[in-house]
Amino acid sequence: MLRKDMHEDNRRSWNAATDAHNSHKADQAAFFRGGGSTLYPDEIELLGDLKGKTLVHLQCNSGQDTLSLARLGATVTGVDISDSAIAFAQKLSADTGISGQFIRSDVYDWFEQAAQQGQKFDIAFSSYGAIVWLSDIGAWAKGVASILKPGGKVVILDFHPYPMIFNWDWKPEFSYFNGQQGQHFDNGVGDYVAISGEALAPSGYIEGVKDFINPHPGHEFNWSVSEIIMALIQAGLALRVFKEYPYFNGAKLFNDMREGENGRIYPPENMPDLPLMYGIVAEKPS
C-alpha cells in the first residue's frame, strides 16, 4: 500500500539533507567539465554498453550519477521526489553542458504519467539507497515494467537490506522483515556525506554545513532481498543477474568502517565479511 503522506515527509527531509550533502562537495561543475565521473565499476558492469540507449535513473538524487551515465552514451532522464535535488541536477547539467532531463516527481506518480504518455526506456536504473524509500515494492516493480521497452532491463545496485538490521555500533536492533511496516525517525535523512568524507566527494571535500540534524521526519522501508526479487518476477520481468558484494561503494554507514581501494568501504577488522550491497538485472521479455 502506498504511503503518500510518508513520501511527503521524506520529500521535505531530502530537501534539507540534499543542501547539506552538496555543501561538502567542492566545485562539482568543474569536476565534470574536467572529465570527472561519480560512477563505480560495479554499476558500469551491470549496465553494460550504454551507447545509444535511453535510460531513466529512478530516484536520481542530485543527478551526478545520471550525468556520468550520459557521458557513457546514454540519453538520460532523472526522476526524484526532492525539489532541491532536481534543481541542483538541472543546474549541474546546464553548467557542465552534459545533456539530461530531470523531473521532480514522486516516482509512483511519474510511472503513471510516463505510461499514459507512452514513454518507454531501454534501461531503468536504481542505485545506492533508493529502494528503502519505496512504500510499496510491488507497485514499484509493476511501474518499472510498464516503462521498459520489450527486451529492456532494470538494473539495481543498492545497499543490502541485511546490514540494516544493525544500529550505528553494529548491534542488531531492527527487524530484517519489516518492509511493509517501515521504520520511522523523528530526524530523517542524515548527513552521510559528512560522515563519509572524501569517499563521497570526488570533486574535493570541504567542511560545509556543520552538525546537521534534519528537522523533518523520515520513513524507510527495508524490503528483504526475496521481496525485491519476487516483486520484479511478479511484474513479469525475468531475473538475469543477482550478485552480492562485501563492501559499500563510498558510504560509511556504520561505525569504524575501513576504506579499501577504489572507494570500497568494509566492516571493522574484527567482523566477518557481510553482504553490504547487491546487484540485480531483470529483463522484460521481447
C-alpha atoms as a PDB file:
ATOM      1  CA  MET A   1       0.000   0.000   0.000  1.00  0.00           C
ATOM      2  CA  LEU A   2       1.356   3.387  -0.987  1.00  0.00           C
ATOM      3  CA  ARG A   3       2.017   5.809   1.874  1.00  0.00           C
ATOM      4  CA  LYS A   4       1.961   9.169   0.108  1.00  0.00           C
ATOM      5  CA  ASP A   5       1.846  11.004   3.450  1.00  0.00           C
ATOM      6  CA  MET A   6       5.183   9.443   4.349  1.00  0.00           C
ATOM      7  CA  HIS A   7       6.558  10.197   0.895  1.00  0.00           C
ATOM      8  CA  GLU A   8       5.839  13.874   1.544  1.00  0.00           C
ATOM      9  CA  ASP A   9       7.685  13.719   4.865  1.00  0.00           C
ATOM     10  CA  ASN A  10      10.596  12.163   3.008  1.00  0.00           C
ATOM     11  CA  ARG A  11      10.492  14.863   0.315  1.00  0.00           C
ATOM     12  CA  ARG A  12      10.932  17.566   2.935  1.00  0.00           C
ATOM     13  CA  SER A  13      13.610  15.530   4.688  1.00  0.00           C
ATOM     14  CA  TRP A  14      15.545  15.036   1.455  1.00  0.00           C
ATOM     15  CA  ASN A  15      15.267  18.725   0.567  1.00  0.00           C
ATOM     16  CA  ALA A  16      17.042  19.625   3.790  1.00  0.00           C
ATOM     17  CA  ALA A  17      19.596  16.824   3.549  1.00  0.00           C
ATOM     18  CA  THR A  18      20.447  17.473  -0.112  1.00  0.00           C
ATOM     19  CA  ASP A  19      21.537  21.017   0.647  1.00  0.00           C
ATOM     20  CA  ALA A  20      23.749  19.730   3.474  1.00  0.00           C
ATOM     21  CA  HIS A  21      25.238  16.978   1.304  1.00  0.00           C
ATOM     22  CA  ASN A  22      26.171  19.257  -1.565  1.00  0.00           C
ATOM     23  CA  SER A  23      27.663  21.812   0.831  1.00  0.00           C
ATOM     24  CA  HIS A  24      30.548  19.385   1.402  1.00  0.00           C
ATOM     25  CA  LYS A  25      31.411  18.920  -2.264  1.00  0.00           C
ATOM     26  CA  ALA A  26      33.818  21.302  -3.978  1.00  0.00           C
ATOM     27  CA  ASP A  27      33.051  22.728  -7.421  1.00  0.00           C
ATOM     28  CA  GLN A  28      31.167  19.823  -8.953  1.00  0.00           C
ATOM     29  CA  ALA A  29      30.613  21.510 -12.307  1.00  0.00           C
ATOM     30  CA  ALA A  30      34.365  21.976 -12.739  1.00  0.00           C
ATOM     31  CA  PHE A  31      34.892  18.347 -11.754  1.00  0.00           C
ATOM     32  CA  PHE A  32      32.575  17.183 -14.542  1.00  0.00           C
ATOM     33  CA  ARG A  33      33.911  19.650 -17.087  1.00  0.00           C
ATOM     34  CA  GLY A  34      37.340  18.163 -16.389  1.00  0.00           C
ATOM     35  CA  GLY A  35      36.069  14.694 -17.311  1.00  0.00           C
ATOM     36  CA  GLY A  36      35.140  13.519 -13.805  1.00  0.00           C
ATOM     37  CA  SER A  37      32.654  10.749 -13.082  1.00  0.00           C
ATOM     38  CA  THR A  38      30.920   9.618  -9.899  1.00  0.00           C
ATOM     39  CA  LEU A  39      30.349   6.037 -11.091  1.00  0.00           C
ATOM     40  CA  TYR A  40      31.952   2.884  -9.694  1.00  0.00           C
ATOM     41  CA  PRO A  41      32.985  -0.193 -11.702  1.00  0.00           C
ATOM     42  CA  ASP A  42      30.123  -2.270 -10.277  1.00  0.00           C
ATOM     43  CA  GLU A  43      27.234  -0.331 -11.804  1.00  0.00           C
ATOM     44  CA  ILE A  44      29.088   0.058 -15.091  1.00  0.00           C
ATOM     45  CA  GLU A  45      29.495  -3.730 -15.239  1.00  0.00           C
ATOM     46  CA  LEU A  46      25.803  -4.364 -14.533  1.00  0.00           C
ATOM     47  CA  LEU A  47      24.598  -1.720 -17.001  1.00  0.00           C
ATOM     48  CA  GLY A  48      26.737  -2.794 -19.941  1.00  0.00           C
ATOM     49  CA  ASP A  49      27.149  -0.748 -23.116  1.00  0.00           C
ATOM     50  CA  LEU A  50      25.051   2.429 -22.909  1.00  0.00           C
ATOM     51  CA  LYS A  51      25.759   3.918 -26.323  1.00  0.00           C
ATOM     52  CA  GLY A  52      22.511   4.920 -27.978  1.00  0.00           C
ATOM     53  CA  LYS A  53      20.366   3.649 -25.087  1.00  0.00           C
ATOM     54  CA  THR A  54      17.557   5.514 -23.374  1.00  0.00           C
ATOM     55  CA  LEU A  55      17.906   5.329 -19.597  1.00  0.00           C
ATOM     56  CA  VAL A  56      15.758   6.539 -16.727  1.00  0.00           C
ATOM     57  CA  HIS A  57      17.503   6.941 -13.378  1.00  0.00           C
ATOM     58  CA  LEU A  58      14.837   6.441 -10.723  1.00  0.00           C
ATOM     59  CA  GLN A  59      15.355   8.435  -7.513  1.00  0.00           C
ATOM     60  CA  CYS A  60      18.381  10.070  -9.085  1.00  0.00           C
ATOM     61  CA  ASN A  61      19.188  12.432  -6.197  1.00  0.00           C
ATOM     62  CA  SER A  62      21.219  15.446  -7.406  1.00  0.00           C
ATOM     63  CA  GLY A  63      21.989  13.959 -10.806  1.00  0.00           C
ATOM     64  CA  GLN A  64      25.734  13.359 -10.534  1.00  0.00           C
ATOM     65  CA  ASP A  65      25.491   9.662 -11.421  1.00  0.00           C
ATOM     66  CA  THR A  66      22.839  10.401 -14.050  1.00  0.00           C
ATOM     67  CA  LEU A  67      25.128  12.827 -15.884  1.00  0.00           C
ATOM     68  CA  SER A  68      28.016  10.378 -15.535  1.00  0.00           C
ATOM     69  CA  LEU A  69      25.833   7.816 -17.332  1.00  0.00           C
ATOM     70  CA  ALA A  70      25.099  10.351 -20.067  1.00  0.00           C
ATOM     71  CA  ARG A  71      28.859  10.640 -20.568  1.00  0.00           C
ATOM     72  CA  LEU A  72      28.864   6.913 -21.404  1.00  0.00           C
ATOM     73  CA  GLY A  73      26.497   7.471 -24.322  1.00  0.00           C
ATOM     74  CA  ALA A  74      23.011   7.160 -22.806  1.00  0.00           C
ATOM     75  CA  THR A  75      20.142   9.580 -23.314  1.00  0.00           C
ATOM     76  CA  VAL A  76      19.204  10.110 -19.680  1.00  0.00           C
ATOM     77  CA  THR A  77      16.158  11.097 -17.680  1.00  0.00           C
ATOM     78  CA  GLY A  78      16.415  11.516 -13.914  1.00  0.00           C
ATOM     79  CA  VAL A  79      13.415  11.390 -11.586  1.00  0.00           C
ATOM     80  CA  ASP A  80      13.472  12.355  -7.910  1.00  0.00           C
ATOM     81  CA  ILE A  81      10.982  13.472  -5.271  1.00  0.00           C
ATOM     82  CA  SER A  82      13.277  16.175  -3.858  1.00  0.00           C
ATOM     83  CA  ASP A  83      12.825  19.727  -5.149  1.00  0.00           C
ATOM     84  CA  SER A  84      16.355  20.633  -4.038  1.00  0.00           C
ATOM     85  CA  ALA A  85      17.906  17.599  -5.719  1.00  0.00           C
ATOM     86  CA  ILE A  86      16.224  18.188  -9.073  1.00  0.00           C
ATOM     87  CA  ALA A  87      17.019  21.920  -9.039  1.00  0.00           C
ATOM     88  CA  PHE A  88      20.666  21.062  -8.373  1.00  0.00           C
ATOM     89  CA  ALA A  89      20.706  18.420 -11.134  1.00  0.00           C
ATOM     90  CA  GLN A  90      19.209  20.816 -13.686  1.00  0.00           C
ATOM     91  CA  LYS A  91      21.784  23.475 -12.848  1.00  0.00           C
ATOM     92  CA  LEU A  92      24.631  20.951 -12.934  1.00  0.00           C
ATOM     93  CA  SER A  93      23.505  19.797 -16.380  1.00  0.00           C
ATOM     94  CA  ALA A  94      23.429  23.394 -17.623  1.00  0.00           C
ATOM     95  CA  ASP A  95      26.778  24.300 -16.044  1.00  0.00           C
ATOM     96  CA  THR A  96      28.565  21.251 -17.454  1.00  0.00           C
ATOM     97  CA  GLY A  97      26.934  21.073 -20.877  1.00  0.00           C
ATOM     98  CA  ILE A  98      26.045  17.419 -20.257  1.00  0.00           C
ATOM     99  CA  SER A  99      22.539  16.821 -21.541  1.00  0.00           C
ATOM    100  CA  GLY A 100      19.959  15.290 -19.225  1.00  0.00           C
ATOM    101  CA  GLN A 101      16.263  15.725 -18.467  1.00  0.00           C
ATOM    102  CA  PHE A 102      15.378  15.959 -14.776  1.00  0.00           C
ATOM    103  CA  ILE A 103      11.843  15.638 -13.424  1.00  0.00           C
ATOM    104  CA  ARG A 104      10.647  16.388  -9.900  1.00  0.00           C
ATOM    105  CA  SER A 105       8.047  13.788  -9.026  1.00  0.00           C
ATOM    106  CA  ASP A 106       7.120  11.055  -6.628  1.00  0.00           C
ATOM    107  CA  VAL A 107       8.323   8.036  -8.599  1.00  0.00           C
ATOM    108  CA  TYR A 108       4.908   6.347  -8.396  1.00  0.00           C
ATOM    109  CA  ASP A 109       3.218   9.414  -9.911  1.00  0.00           C
ATOM    110  CA  TRP A 110       5.861   9.528 -12.622  1.00  0.00           C
ATOM    111  CA  PHE A 111       5.231   5.893 -13.565  1.00  0.00           C
ATOM    112  CA  GLU A 112       1.559   6.725 -14.189  1.00  0.00           C
ATOM    113  CA  GLN A 113       2.373   9.825 -16.225  1.00  0.00           C
ATOM    114  CA  ALA A 114       5.059   8.087 -18.287  1.00  0.00           C
ATOM    115  CA  ALA A 115       2.780   5.143 -19.049  1.00  0.00           C
ATOM    116  CA  GLN A 116      -0.042   7.496 -20.107  1.00  0.00           C
ATOM    117  CA  GLN A 117       2.370   9.334 -22.422  1.00  0.00           C
ATOM    118  CA  GLY A 118       3.678   6.069 -23.881  1.00  0.00           C
ATOM    119  CA  GLN A 119       7.237   6.673 -22.725  1.00  0.00           C
ATOM    120  CA  LYS A 120       9.453   3.583 -22.940  1.00  0.00           C
ATOM    121  CA  PHE A 121      13.107   3.136 -21.998  1.00  0.00           C
ATOM    122  CA  ASP A 122      15.839   0.644 -22.750  1.00  0.00           C
ATOM    123  CA  ILE A 123      17.058   0.738 -19.152  1.00  0.00           C
ATOM    124  CA  ALA A 124      15.640   1.677 -15.770  1.00  0.00           C
ATOM    125  CA  PHE A 125      18.367   2.225 -13.181  1.00  0.00           C
ATOM    126  CA  SER A 126      18.083   2.433  -9.386  1.00  0.00           C
ATOM    127  CA  SER A 127      21.080   2.798  -7.106  1.00  0.00           C
ATOM    128  CA  TYR A 128      22.558   3.387  -3.654  1.00  0.00           C
ATOM    129  CA  GLY A 129      19.871   3.779  -1.029  1.00  0.00           C
ATOM    130  CA  ALA A 130      16.870   4.163  -3.340  1.00  0.00           C
ATOM    131  CA  ILE A 131      14.805   1.032  -2.671  1.00  0.00           C
ATOM    132  CA  VAL A 132      14.458   1.727   1.053  1.00  0.00           C
ATOM    133  CA  TRP A 133      12.265   4.782   0.344  1.00  0.00           C
ATOM    134  CA  LEU A 134       9.611   2.780  -1.529  1.00  0.00           C
ATOM    135  CA  SER A 135       6.447   2.186   0.497  1.00  0.00           C
ATOM    136  CA  ASP A 136       5.113  -0.456  -1.937  1.00  0.00           C
ATOM    137  CA  ILE A 137       7.726  -2.629  -3.627  1.00  0.00           C
ATOM    138  CA  GLY A 138       5.154  -4.480  -5.747  1.00  0.00           C
ATOM    139  CA  ALA A 139       3.680  -1.290  -7.213  1.00  0.00           C
ATOM    140  CA  TRP A 140       7.196  -0.026  -7.915  1.00  0.00           C
ATOM    141  CA  ALA A 141       8.160  -3.197  -9.804  1.00  0.00           C
ATOM    142  CA  LYS A 142       4.972  -3.012 -11.900  1.00  0.00           C
ATOM    143  CA  GLY A 143       5.736   0.637 -12.626  1.00  0.00           C
ATOM    144  CA  VAL A 144       9.232  -0.273 -13.790  1.00  0.00           C
ATOM    145  CA  ALA A 145       7.853  -2.989 -16.087  1.00  0.00           C
ATOM    146  CA  SER A 146       5.360  -0.526 -17.556  1.00  0.00           C
ATOM    147  CA  ILE A 147       8.031   1.889 -18.790  1.00  0.00           C
ATOM    148  CA  LEU A 148      10.503  -0.654 -20.205  1.00  0.00           C
ATOM    149  CA  LYS A 149      10.674  -1.483 -23.890  1.00  0.00           C
ATOM    150  CA  PRO A 150      10.379  -5.161 -24.824  1.00  0.00           C
ATOM    151  CA  GLY A 151      13.859  -6.559 -24.193  1.00  0.00           C
ATOM    152  CA  GLY A 152      14.627  -3.639 -21.882  1.00  0.00           C
ATOM    153  CA  LYS A 153      16.067  -4.160 -18.426  1.00  0.00           C
ATOM    154  CA  VAL A 154      16.042  -2.808 -14.910  1.00  0.00           C
ATOM    155  CA  VAL A 155      19.416  -2.565 -13.183  1.00  0.00           C
ATOM    156  CA  ILE A 156      19.605  -2.182  -9.407  1.00  0.00           C
ATOM    157  CA  LEU A 157      22.771  -1.663  -7.370  1.00  0.00           C
ATOM    158  CA  ASP A 158      21.877  -0.887  -3.798  1.00  0.00           C
ATOM    159  CA  PHE A 159      22.803  -1.302  -0.173  1.00  0.00           C
ATOM    160  CA  HIS A 160      21.941  -4.779   1.047  1.00  0.00           C
ATOM    161  CA  PRO A 161      18.984  -4.896   3.463  1.00  0.00           C
ATOM    162  CA  TYR A 162      20.778  -7.346   5.769  1.00  0.00           C
ATOM    163  CA  PRO A 163      23.231  -4.901   7.438  1.00  0.00           C
ATOM    164  CA  MET A 164      20.335  -2.514   8.012  1.00  0.00           C
ATOM    165  CA  ILE A 165      19.342  -4.668  10.996  1.00  0.00           C
ATOM    166  CA  PHE A 166      22.301  -3.072  12.845  1.00  0.00           C
ATOM    167  CA  ASN A 167      22.490   0.276  14.613  1.00  0.00           C
ATOM    168  CA  TRP A 168      25.464   2.621  14.207  1.00  0.00           C
ATOM    169  CA  ASP A 169      27.616   0.483  16.525  1.00  0.00           C
ATOM    170  CA  TRP A 170      26.883  -2.821  14.744  1.00  0.00           C
ATOM    171  CA  LYS A 171      24.407  -4.028  17.352  1.00  0.00           C
ATOM    172  CA  PRO A 172      21.305  -5.837  15.994  1.00  0.00           C
ATOM    173  CA  GLU A 173      18.343  -3.533  16.573  1.00  0.00           C
ATOM    174  CA  PHE A 174      15.967  -3.635  13.603  1.00  0.00           C
ATOM    175  CA  SER A 175      13.952  -6.437  12.046  1.00  0.00           C
ATOM    176  CA  TYR A 176      15.026  -7.735   8.641  1.00  0.00           C
ATOM    177  CA  PHE A 177      11.388  -8.433   7.785  1.00  0.00           C
ATOM    178  CA  ASN A 178       9.766  -5.051   8.259  1.00  0.00           C
ATOM    179  CA  GLY A 179       9.431  -3.629   4.747  1.00  0.00           C
ATOM    180  CA  GLN A 180       5.686  -3.158   4.918  1.00  0.00           C
ATOM    181  CA  GLN A 181       5.678  -1.658   8.427  1.00  0.00           C
ATOM    182  CA  GLY A 182       8.683   0.573   7.843  1.00  0.00           C
ATOM    183  CA  GLN A 183      10.992   2.344  10.264  1.00  0.00           C
ATOM    184  CA  HIS A 184      10.161   5.869  11.341  1.00  0.00           C
ATOM    185  CA  PHE A 185      12.586   8.524  12.537  1.00  0.00           C
ATOM    186  CA  ASP A 186      11.952  11.964  14.027  1.00  0.00           C
ATOM    187  CA  ASN A 187      15.071  13.260  12.290  1.00  0.00           C
ATOM    188  CA  GLY A 188      15.075  11.936   8.734  1.00  0.00           C
ATOM    189  CA  VAL A 189      17.932  11.734   6.250  1.00  0.00           C
ATOM    190  CA  GLY A 190      21.286  12.293   7.921  1.00  0.00           C
ATOM    191  CA  ASP A 191      24.465  13.853   6.601  1.00  0.00           C
ATOM    192  CA  TYR A 192      26.157  10.707   5.356  1.00  0.00           C
ATOM    193  CA  VAL A 193      28.436  12.784   3.117  1.00  0.00           C
ATOM    194  CA  ALA A 194      29.982  14.476   6.166  1.00  0.00           C
ATOM    195  CA  ILE A 195      30.461  11.053   7.786  1.00  0.00           C
ATOM    196  CA  SER A 196      31.957   9.508   4.642  1.00  0.00           C
ATOM    197  CA  GLY A 197      34.221  12.451   3.759  1.00  0.00           C
ATOM    198  CA  GLU A 198      36.290  12.323   0.580  1.00  0.00           C
ATOM    199  CA  ALA A 199      34.876   8.924  -0.373  1.00  0.00           C
ATOM    200  CA  LEU A 200      31.585  10.604  -1.353  1.00  0.00           C
ATOM    201  CA  ALA A 201      33.082  13.885  -2.530  1.00  0.00           C
ATOM    202  CA  PRO A 202      35.255  13.072  -5.580  1.00  0.00           C
ATOM    203  CA  SER A 203      35.319  16.744  -6.594  1.00  0.00           C
ATOM    204  CA  GLY A 204      37.007  17.501  -3.262  1.00  0.00           C
ATOM    205  CA  TYR A 205      35.691  17.557   0.303  1.00  0.00           C
ATOM    206  CA  ILE A 206      35.002  20.824   2.125  1.00  0.00           C
ATOM    207  CA  GLU A 207      33.580  21.309   5.595  1.00  0.00           C
ATOM    208  CA  GLY A 208      30.245  22.845   4.603  1.00  0.00           C
ATOM    209  CA  VAL A 209      27.269  22.514   6.945  1.00  0.00           C
ATOM    210  CA  LYS A 210      28.319  21.520  10.468  1.00  0.00           C
ATOM    211  CA  ASP A 211      26.497  19.130  12.803  1.00  0.00           C
ATOM    212  CA  PHE A 212      23.478  18.747  10.551  1.00  0.00           C
ATOM    213  CA  ILE A 213      20.306  17.453  12.212  1.00  0.00           C
ATOM    214  CA  ASN A 214      17.354  17.028   9.900  1.00  0.00           C
ATOM    215  CA  PRO A 215      14.291  18.943  11.151  1.00  0.00           C
ATOM    216  CA  HIS A 216      11.916  16.692   9.201  1.00  0.00           C
ATOM    217  CA  PRO A 217      10.878  13.102   9.956  1.00  0.00           C
ATOM    218  CA  GLY A 218      11.787  10.221   7.670  1.00  0.00           C
ATOM    219  CA  HIS A 219      10.315   6.822   6.861  1.00  0.00           C
ATOM    220  CA  GLU A 220      12.273   3.856   5.484  1.00  0.00           C
ATOM    221  CA  PHE A 221      11.000   0.520   4.185  1.00  0.00           C
ATOM    222  CA  ASN A 222      13.695  -2.135   4.434  1.00  0.00           C
ATOM    223  CA  TRP A 223      12.456  -4.699   1.894  1.00  0.00           C
ATOM    224  CA  SER A 224      14.181  -8.072   2.046  1.00  0.00           C
ATOM    225  CA  VAL A 225      16.099  -9.358  -0.966  1.00  0.00           C
ATOM    226  CA  SER A 226      13.455 -12.025  -1.572  1.00  0.00           C
ATOM    227  CA  GLU A 227      10.675  -9.403  -1.553  1.00  0.00           C
ATOM    228  CA  ILE A 228      12.555  -7.281  -4.102  1.00  0.00           C
ATOM    229  CA  ILE A 229      13.295 -10.181  -6.437  1.00  0.00           C
ATOM    230  CA  MET A 230       9.790 -11.631  -6.216  1.00  0.00           C
ATOM    231  CA  ALA A 231       8.239  -8.218  -6.893  1.00  0.00           C
ATOM    232  CA  LEU A 232      10.216  -7.997 -10.141  1.00  0.00           C
ATOM    233  CA  ILE A 233       9.289 -11.552 -11.161  1.00  0.00           C
ATOM    234  CA  GLN A 234       5.606 -10.990 -10.351  1.00  0.00           C
ATOM    235  CA  ALA A 235       5.721  -7.838 -12.500  1.00  0.00           C
ATOM    236  CA  GLY A 236       6.640 -10.063 -15.448  1.00  0.00           C
ATOM    237  CA  LEU A 237      10.392  -9.456 -15.513  1.00  0.00           C
ATOM    238  CA  ALA A 238      12.949 -12.243 -15.882  1.00  0.00           C
ATOM    239  CA  LEU A 239      15.852 -12.295 -13.428  1.00  0.00           C
ATOM    240  CA  ARG A 240      19.165 -12.340 -15.303  1.00  0.00           C
ATOM    241  CA  VAL A 241      21.733 -11.358 -12.661  1.00  0.00           C
ATOM    242  CA  PHE A 242      21.837 -11.400  -8.891  1.00  0.00           C
ATOM    243  CA  LYS A 243      25.099 -10.542  -7.119  1.00  0.00           C
ATOM    244  CA  GLU A 244      26.166  -9.703  -3.563  1.00  0.00           C
ATOM    245  CA  TYR A 245      29.173  -7.599  -2.576  1.00  0.00           C
ATOM    246  CA  PRO A 246      31.157  -7.498   0.710  1.00  0.00           C
ATOM    247  CA  TYR A 247      31.598  -3.701   0.612  1.00  0.00           C
ATOM    248  CA  PHE A 248      29.782  -0.386   0.246  1.00  0.00           C
ATOM    249  CA  ASN A 249      30.815   1.976  -2.516  1.00  0.00           C
ATOM    250  CA  GLY A 250      31.773   5.291  -0.945  1.00  0.00           C
ATOM    251  CA  ALA A 251      29.396   5.292   2.012  1.00  0.00           C
ATOM    252  CA  LYS A 252      30.429   4.834   5.641  1.00  0.00           C
ATOM    253  CA  LEU A 253      27.054   3.895   7.057  1.00  0.00           C
ATOM    254  CA  PHE A 254      28.284   2.359  10.327  1.00  0.00           C
ATOM    255  CA  ASN A 255      30.956   2.982  12.939  1.00  0.00           C
ATOM    256  CA  ASP A 256      34.636   2.111  12.362  1.00  0.00           C
ATOM    257  CA  MET A 257      34.271   1.165   8.710  1.00  0.00           C
ATOM    258  CA  ARG A 258      37.525   0.720   6.758  1.00  0.00           C
ATOM    259  CA  GLU A 259      38.402   2.272   3.423  1.00  0.00           C
ATOM    260  CA  GLY A 260      39.803  -0.036   0.753  1.00  0.00           C
ATOM    261  CA  GLU A 261      40.833   0.527  -2.829  1.00  0.00           C
ATOM    262  CA  ASN A 262      38.598   2.232  -5.407  1.00  0.00           C
ATOM    263  CA  GLY A 263      36.328   3.799  -2.797  1.00  0.00           C
ATOM    264  CA  ARG A 264      35.206   0.489  -1.328  1.00  0.00           C
ATOM    265  CA  ILE A 265      34.208   0.604   2.345  1.00  0.00           C
ATOM    266  CA  TYR A 266      34.447  -2.524   4.525  1.00  0.00           C
ATOM    267  CA  PRO A 267      33.276  -3.505   8.039  1.00  0.00           C
ATOM    268  CA  PRO A 268      35.671  -3.199  11.001  1.00  0.00           C
ATOM    269  CA  GLU A 269      38.540  -5.670  11.070  1.00  0.00           C
ATOM    270  CA  ASN A 270      37.039  -7.646  13.936  1.00  0.00           C
ATOM    271  CA  MET A 271      33.936  -8.513  11.896  1.00  0.00           C
ATOM    272  CA  PRO A 272      33.472 -11.239   9.262  1.00  0.00           C
ATOM    273  CA  ASP A 273      32.590 -10.457   5.673  1.00  0.00           C
ATOM    274  CA  LEU A 274      28.965  -9.408   5.273  1.00  0.00           C
ATOM    275  CA  PRO A 275      26.751  -8.791   2.236  1.00  0.00           C
ATOM    276  CA  LEU A 276      26.782  -4.991   2.089  1.00  0.00           C
ATOM    277  CA  MET A 277      25.465  -4.400  -1.451  1.00  0.00           C
ATOM    278  CA  TYR A 278      23.529  -6.373  -4.015  1.00  0.00           C
ATOM    279  CA  GLY A 279      23.100  -6.084  -7.762  1.00  0.00           C
ATOM    280  CA  ILE A 280      20.132  -7.169  -9.878  1.00  0.00           C
ATOM    281  CA  VAL A 281      19.465  -7.192 -13.598  1.00  0.00           C
ATOM    282  CA  ALA A 282      15.943  -8.187 -14.685  1.00  0.00           C
ATOM    283  CA  GLU A 283      14.689  -8.123 -18.246  1.00  0.00           C
ATOM    284  CA  LYS A 284      11.315  -7.503 -19.874  1.00  0.00           C
ATOM    285  CA  PRO A 285      10.513 -10.279 -22.366  1.00  0.00           C
ATOM    286  CA  SER A 286      10.777  -9.274 -26.023  1.00  0.00           C
END
